[in-house]
Amino acid sequence: MEIKSQTINFDGSINIILGQSHFIKTVDDLSQIIVTTVPNAQYAVAFCEASGEALIRHNSNDDNLKQKAITIMQDIKAGHSFVILLGNFYPINILSKVKACDEVVNIYCATANPVTVLTVSNENGAGIIGVIDGTSPKGVENENDIINRRALLKKIGYTF
């Protein structure tokens, strides 16, 4: 058994959702969730099939995102894992629907931060055992930080 650490390379303007599912229909169902929830969304979905032909299945409406999603899955090589790349919207727009998708088993991260994927592999294949999403905390927010956080949420349309 071998444990590997794989950094996912993507540009900071892209958000990703990394997860695990169990069926070839994942690509189509996740794509349907995206296009019906966020009109004009730029996206790519790639899924590592874990049996049969064991192909990387994919769907996208953006060629650059599609190639990035496929490359990420080629690097991770973990059966039944999927990645969604979001070009012009945020994970919060679709995350609850992705979690409710019948094929989805687990969500590892939903982020625009740098991501390191930890995998374990043996003679049969590989699986994701966890992720490192961004950096460790550098402190605790103060009153000014709270004001700035709430201003940011208001600016991007998410406030209470």
C-alpha atoms as a PDB file:
ATOM      1  CA  MET A   1       0.000   0.000   0.000  1.00  0.00           C
ATOM      2  CA  GLU A   2       1.260   3.457  -0.902  1.00  0.00           C
ATOM      3  CA  ILE A   3       0.091   6.871   0.321  1.00  0.00           C
ATOM      4  CA  LYS A   4       0.571   9.796  -2.069  1.00  0.00           C
ATOM      5  CA  SER A   5       0.122  13.547  -1.862  1.00  0.00           C
ATOM      6  CA  GLN A   6      -1.092  15.144  -5.115  1.00  0.00           C
ATOM      7  CA  THR A   7      -1.390  18.914  -5.495  1.00  0.00           C
ATOM      8  CA  ILE A   8      -4.267  20.012  -7.715  1.00  0.00           C
ATOM      9  CA  ASN A   9      -3.131  22.787  -9.995  1.00  0.00           C
ATOM     10  CA  PHE A  10      -5.817  25.243 -11.043  1.00  0.00           C
ATOM     11  CA  ASP A  11      -6.019  28.970 -11.451  1.00  0.00           C
ATOM     12  CA  GLY A  12      -7.441  30.989  -8.553  1.00  0.00           C
ATOM     13  CA  SER A  13     -10.431  32.191 -10.569  1.00  0.00           C
ATOM     14  CA  ILE A  14     -11.768  28.626 -10.666  1.00  0.00           C
ATOM     15  CA  ASN A  15     -13.611  26.954  -7.800  1.00  0.00           C
ATOM     16  CA  ILE A  16     -13.654  23.184  -7.440  1.00  0.00           C
ATOM     17  CA  ILE A  17     -15.782  20.562  -5.790  1.00  0.00           C
ATOM     18  CA  LEU A  18     -14.030  17.239  -5.220  1.00  0.00           C
ATOM     19  CA  GLY A  19     -16.039  14.220  -4.197  1.00  0.00           C
ATOM     20  CA  GLN A  20     -16.785  10.522  -4.415  1.00  0.00           C
ATOM     21  CA  SER A  21     -19.700   8.849  -6.143  1.00  0.00           C
ATOM     22  CA  HIS A  22     -20.590   5.352  -7.272  1.00  0.00           C
ATOM     23  CA  PHE A  23     -22.121   5.230 -10.735  1.00  0.00           C
ATOM     24  CA  ILE A  24     -21.421   6.116 -14.371  1.00  0.00           C
ATOM     25  CA  LYS A  25     -24.532   8.350 -14.380  1.00  0.00           C
ATOM     26  CA  THR A  26     -22.705  10.794 -12.068  1.00  0.00           C
ATOM     27  CA  VAL A  27     -21.376  12.941 -14.920  1.00  0.00           C
ATOM     28  CA  ASP A  28     -24.812  13.464 -16.436  1.00  0.00           C
ATOM     29  CA  ASP A  29     -26.621  14.040 -13.148  1.00  0.00           C
ATOM     30  CA  LEU A  30     -24.058  16.553 -11.862  1.00  0.00           C
ATOM     31  CA  SER A  31     -24.108  18.389 -15.197  1.00  0.00           C
ATOM     32  CA  GLN A  32     -27.906  18.533 -15.061  1.00  0.00           C
ATOM     33  CA  ILE A  33     -27.778  19.952 -11.525  1.00  0.00           C
ATOM     34  CA  ILE A  34     -25.390  22.684 -12.656  1.00  0.00           C
ATOM     35  CA  VAL A  35     -27.227  23.808 -15.791  1.00  0.00           C
ATOM     36  CA  THR A  36     -30.646  23.837 -14.121  1.00  0.00           C
ATOM     37  CA  THR A  37     -29.430  25.666 -11.006  1.00  0.00           C
ATOM     38  CA  VAL A  38     -27.061  28.253 -12.509  1.00  0.00           C
ATOM     39  CA  PRO A  39     -28.086  29.389 -16.004  1.00  0.00           C
ATOM     40  CA  ASN A  40     -25.078  30.226 -18.208  1.00  0.00           C
ATOM     41  CA  ALA A  41     -22.705  28.474 -15.804  1.00  0.00           C
ATOM     42  CA  GLN A  42     -19.248  27.656 -17.137  1.00  0.00           C
ATOM     43  CA  TYR A  43     -18.344  24.221 -15.810  1.00  0.00           C
ATOM     44  CA  ALA A  44     -16.650  20.879 -16.288  1.00  0.00           C
ATOM     45  CA  VAL A  45     -17.296  17.544 -14.604  1.00  0.00           C
ATOM     46  CA  ALA A  46     -14.890  14.589 -14.716  1.00  0.00           C
ATOM     47  CA  PHE A  47     -15.398  11.206 -13.030  1.00  0.00           C
ATOM     48  CA  CYS A  48     -13.003   8.268 -12.613  1.00  0.00           C
ATOM     49  CA  GLU A  49     -14.905   5.093 -13.390  1.00  0.00           C
ATOM     50  CA  ALA A  50     -13.789   2.275 -11.059  1.00  0.00           C
ATOM     51  CA  SER A  51     -14.903  -0.811 -12.995  1.00  0.00           C
ATOM     52  CA  GLY A  52     -15.587  -2.026 -16.510  1.00  0.00           C
ATOM     53  CA  GLU A  53     -13.690   0.147 -18.962  1.00  0.00           C
ATOM     54  CA  ALA A  54     -12.379   2.297 -16.056  1.00  0.00           C
ATOM     55  CA  LEU A  55     -12.460   5.474 -18.136  1.00  0.00           C
ATOM     56  CA  ILE A  56     -12.431   9.093 -17.086  1.00  0.00           C
ATOM     57  CA  ARG A  57     -15.960  10.172 -17.985  1.00  0.00           C
ATOM     58  CA  HIS A  58     -16.533  13.897 -18.560  1.00  0.00           C
ATOM     59  CA  ASN A  59     -18.935  16.632 -19.611  1.00  0.00           C
ATOM     60  CA  SER A  60     -18.425  20.367 -19.991  1.00  0.00           C
ATOM     61  CA  ASN A  61     -19.505  23.475 -21.809  1.00  0.00           C
ATOM     62  CA  ASP A  62     -16.004  24.998 -21.692  1.00  0.00           C
ATOM     63  CA  ASP A  63     -13.035  23.341 -23.431  1.00  0.00           C
ATOM     64  CA  ASN A  64     -10.383  24.802 -21.089  1.00  0.00           C
ATOM     65  CA  LEU A  65     -12.251  23.708 -17.958  1.00  0.00           C
ATOM     66  CA  LYS A  66     -12.875  20.275 -19.508  1.00  0.00           C
ATOM     67  CA  GLN A  67      -9.183  19.686 -20.140  1.00  0.00           C
ATOM     68  CA  LYS A  68      -8.280  20.877 -16.616  1.00  0.00           C
ATOM     69  CA  ALA A  69     -10.886  18.559 -15.065  1.00  0.00           C
ATOM     70  CA  ILE A  70      -9.619  15.579 -17.059  1.00  0.00           C
ATOM     71  CA  THR A  71      -6.004  16.377 -16.128  1.00  0.00           C
ATOM     72  CA  ILE A  72      -6.918  16.592 -12.430  1.00  0.00           C
ATOM     73  CA  MET A  73      -8.550  13.159 -12.567  1.00  0.00           C
ATOM     74  CA  GLN A  74      -5.586  11.712 -14.495  1.00  0.00           C
ATOM     75  CA  ASP A  75      -3.307  12.980 -11.720  1.00  0.00           C
ATOM     76  CA  ILE A  76      -5.460  11.764  -8.810  1.00  0.00           C
ATOM     77  CA  LYS A  77      -6.303   8.358 -10.369  1.00  0.00           C
ATOM     78  CA  ALA A  78      -8.798   7.473  -7.618  1.00  0.00           C
ATOM     79  CA  GLY A  79     -11.713   5.243  -8.557  1.00  0.00           C
ATOM     80  CA  HIS A  80     -15.212   6.677  -8.208  1.00  0.00           C
ATOM     81  CA  SER A  81     -13.900  10.175  -7.533  1.00  0.00           C
ATOM     82  CA  PHE A  82     -15.176  13.239  -9.344  1.00  0.00           C
ATOM     83  CA  VAL A  83     -14.251  16.872  -9.773  1.00  0.00           C
ATOM     84  CA  ILE A  84     -16.454  19.772 -10.767  1.00  0.00           C
ATOM     85  CA  LEU A  85     -14.721  22.919 -12.003  1.00  0.00           C
ATOM     86  CA  LEU A  86     -16.804  26.088 -11.662  1.00  0.00           C
ATOM     87  CA  GLY A  87     -15.804  28.948 -13.933  1.00  0.00           C
ATOM     88  CA  ASN A  88     -18.190  31.786 -13.175  1.00  0.00           C
ATOM     89  CA  PHE A  89     -20.077  30.755 -10.037  1.00  0.00           C
ATOM     90  CA  TYR A  90     -19.421  29.451  -6.534  1.00  0.00           C
ATOM     91  CA  PRO A  91     -19.822  26.046  -4.870  1.00  0.00           C
ATOM     92  CA  ILE A  92     -22.434  27.513  -2.513  1.00  0.00           C
ATOM     93  CA  ASN A  93     -24.717  27.903  -5.557  1.00  0.00           C
ATOM     94  CA  ILE A  94     -24.927  24.126  -6.112  1.00  0.00           C
ATOM     95  CA  LEU A  95     -23.397  22.328  -3.124  1.00  0.00           C
ATOM     96  CA  SER A  96     -26.611  21.275  -1.385  1.00  0.00           C
ATOM     97  CA  LYS A  97     -27.958  19.852  -4.659  1.00  0.00           C
ATOM     98  CA  VAL A  98     -24.675  18.052  -5.366  1.00  0.00           C
ATOM     99  CA  LYS A  99     -24.806  16.495  -1.883  1.00  0.00           C
ATOM    100  CA  ALA A 100     -28.401  15.398  -2.548  1.00  0.00           C
ATOM    101  CA  CYS A 101     -27.480  13.708  -5.852  1.00  0.00           C
ATOM    102  CA  ASP A 102     -28.263   9.982  -5.574  1.00  0.00           C
ATOM    103  CA  GLU A 103     -24.818   8.921  -6.791  1.00  0.00           C
ATOM    104  CA  VAL A 104     -22.783  11.219  -4.522  1.00  0.00           C
ATOM    105  CA  VAL A 105     -21.256   9.453  -1.529  1.00  0.00           C
ATOM    106  CA  ASN A 106     -18.955  12.135  -0.124  1.00  0.00           C
ATOM    107  CA  ILE A 107     -17.702  15.677  -0.678  1.00  0.00           C
ATOM    108  CA  TYR A 108     -14.032  16.204   0.171  1.00  0.00           C
ATOM    109  CA  CYS A 109     -13.849  19.934  -0.509  1.00  0.00           C
ATOM    110  CA  ALA A 110     -15.517  22.872  -2.230  1.00  0.00           C
ATOM    111  CA  THR A 111     -13.010  25.684  -2.585  1.00  0.00           C
ATOM    112  CA  ALA A 112     -10.931  28.130  -4.592  1.00  0.00           C
ATOM    113  CA  ASN A 113      -7.933  27.490  -2.309  1.00  0.00           C
ATOM    114  CA  PRO A 114      -4.898  25.415  -3.265  1.00  0.00           C
ATOM    115  CA  VAL A 115      -5.759  21.750  -2.651  1.00  0.00           C
ATOM    116  CA  THR A 116      -3.594  18.738  -1.902  1.00  0.00           C
ATOM    117  CA  VAL A 117      -5.299  15.366  -2.308  1.00  0.00           C
ATOM    118  CA  LEU A 118      -4.110  12.445  -0.198  1.00  0.00           C
ATOM    119  CA  THR A 119      -4.595   9.060  -1.850  1.00  0.00           C
ATOM    120  CA  VAL A 120      -3.826   5.501  -0.935  1.00  0.00           C
ATOM    121  CA  SER A 121      -3.209   2.879  -3.601  1.00  0.00           C
ATOM    122  CA  ASN A 122      -2.638  -0.849  -3.848  1.00  0.00           C
ATOM    123  CA  GLU A 123      -2.593  -3.421  -6.652  1.00  0.00           C
ATOM    124  CA  ASN A 124      -6.335  -2.872  -7.290  1.00  0.00           C
ATOM    125  CA  GLY A 125      -6.442   0.907  -7.602  1.00  0.00           C
ATOM    126  CA  ALA A 126      -6.507   4.099  -5.563  1.00  0.00           C
ATOM    127  CA  GLY A 127      -8.853   6.008  -3.302  1.00  0.00           C
ATOM    128  CA  ILE A 128      -8.956   9.449  -1.733  1.00  0.00           C
ATOM    129  CA  ILE A 129      -8.384   9.423   2.026  1.00  0.00           C
ATOM    130  CA  GLY A 130      -8.513  13.173   2.569  1.00  0.00           C
ATOM    131  CA  VAL A 131      -7.601  16.648   1.366  1.00  0.00           C
ATOM    132  CA  ILE A 132      -5.640  19.635   2.584  1.00  0.00           C
ATOM    133  CA  ASP A 133      -7.700  22.700   1.640  1.00  0.00           C
ATOM    134  CA  GLY A 134      -5.748  25.969   1.803  1.00  0.00           C
ATOM    135  CA  THR A 135      -3.600  26.884   4.799  1.00  0.00           C
ATOM    136  CA  SER A 136      -3.784  26.521   8.567  1.00  0.00           C
ATOM    137  CA  PRO A 137      -5.293  29.392  10.622  1.00  0.00           C
ATOM    138  CA  LYS A 138      -2.913  32.277  11.313  1.00  0.00           C
ATOM    139  CA  GLY A 139      -4.900  33.819  14.156  1.00  0.00           C
ATOM    140  CA  VAL A 140      -8.392  34.684  15.407  1.00  0.00           C
ATOM    141  CA  GLU A 141     -10.493  37.425  13.822  1.00  0.00           C
ATOM    142  CA  ASN A 142     -10.949  40.697  15.697  1.00  0.00           C
ATOM    143  CA  GLU A 143     -13.833  43.185  15.469  1.00  0.00           C
ATOM    144  CA  ASN A 144     -12.367  44.843  12.360  1.00  0.00           C
ATOM    145  CA  ASP A 145     -11.981  41.444  10.682  1.00  0.00           C
ATOM    146  CA  ILE A 146     -15.655  40.700  11.439  1.00  0.00           C
ATOM    147  CA  ILE A 147     -16.694  43.985   9.816  1.00  0.00           C
ATOM    148  CA  ASN A 148     -14.541  43.203   6.760  1.00  0.00           C
ATOM    149  CA  ARG A 149     -15.927  39.637   6.498  1.00  0.00           C
ATOM    150  CA  ARG A 150     -19.507  40.876   6.572  1.00  0.00           C
ATOM    151  CA  ALA A 151     -18.717  43.624   4.038  1.00  0.00           C
ATOM    152  CA  LEU A 152     -17.271  41.022   1.678  1.00  0.00           C
ATOM    153  CA  LEU A 153     -20.363  38.825   2.041  1.00  0.00           C
ATOM    154  CA  LYS A 154     -22.584  41.794   1.301  1.00  0.00           C
ATOM    155  CA  LYS A 155     -20.463  42.756  -1.721  1.00  0.00           C
ATOM    156  CA  ILE A 156     -20.776  39.297  -3.293  1.00  0.00           C
ATOM    157  CA  GLY A 157     -24.468  38.970  -2.449  1.00  0.00           C
ATOM    158  CA  TYR A 158     -24.333  36.645   0.568  1.00  0.00           C
ATOM    159  CA  THR A 159     -25.402  38.322   3.782  1.00  0.00           C
ATOM    160  CA  PHE A 160     -27.803  37.823   6.647  1.00  0.00           C
END
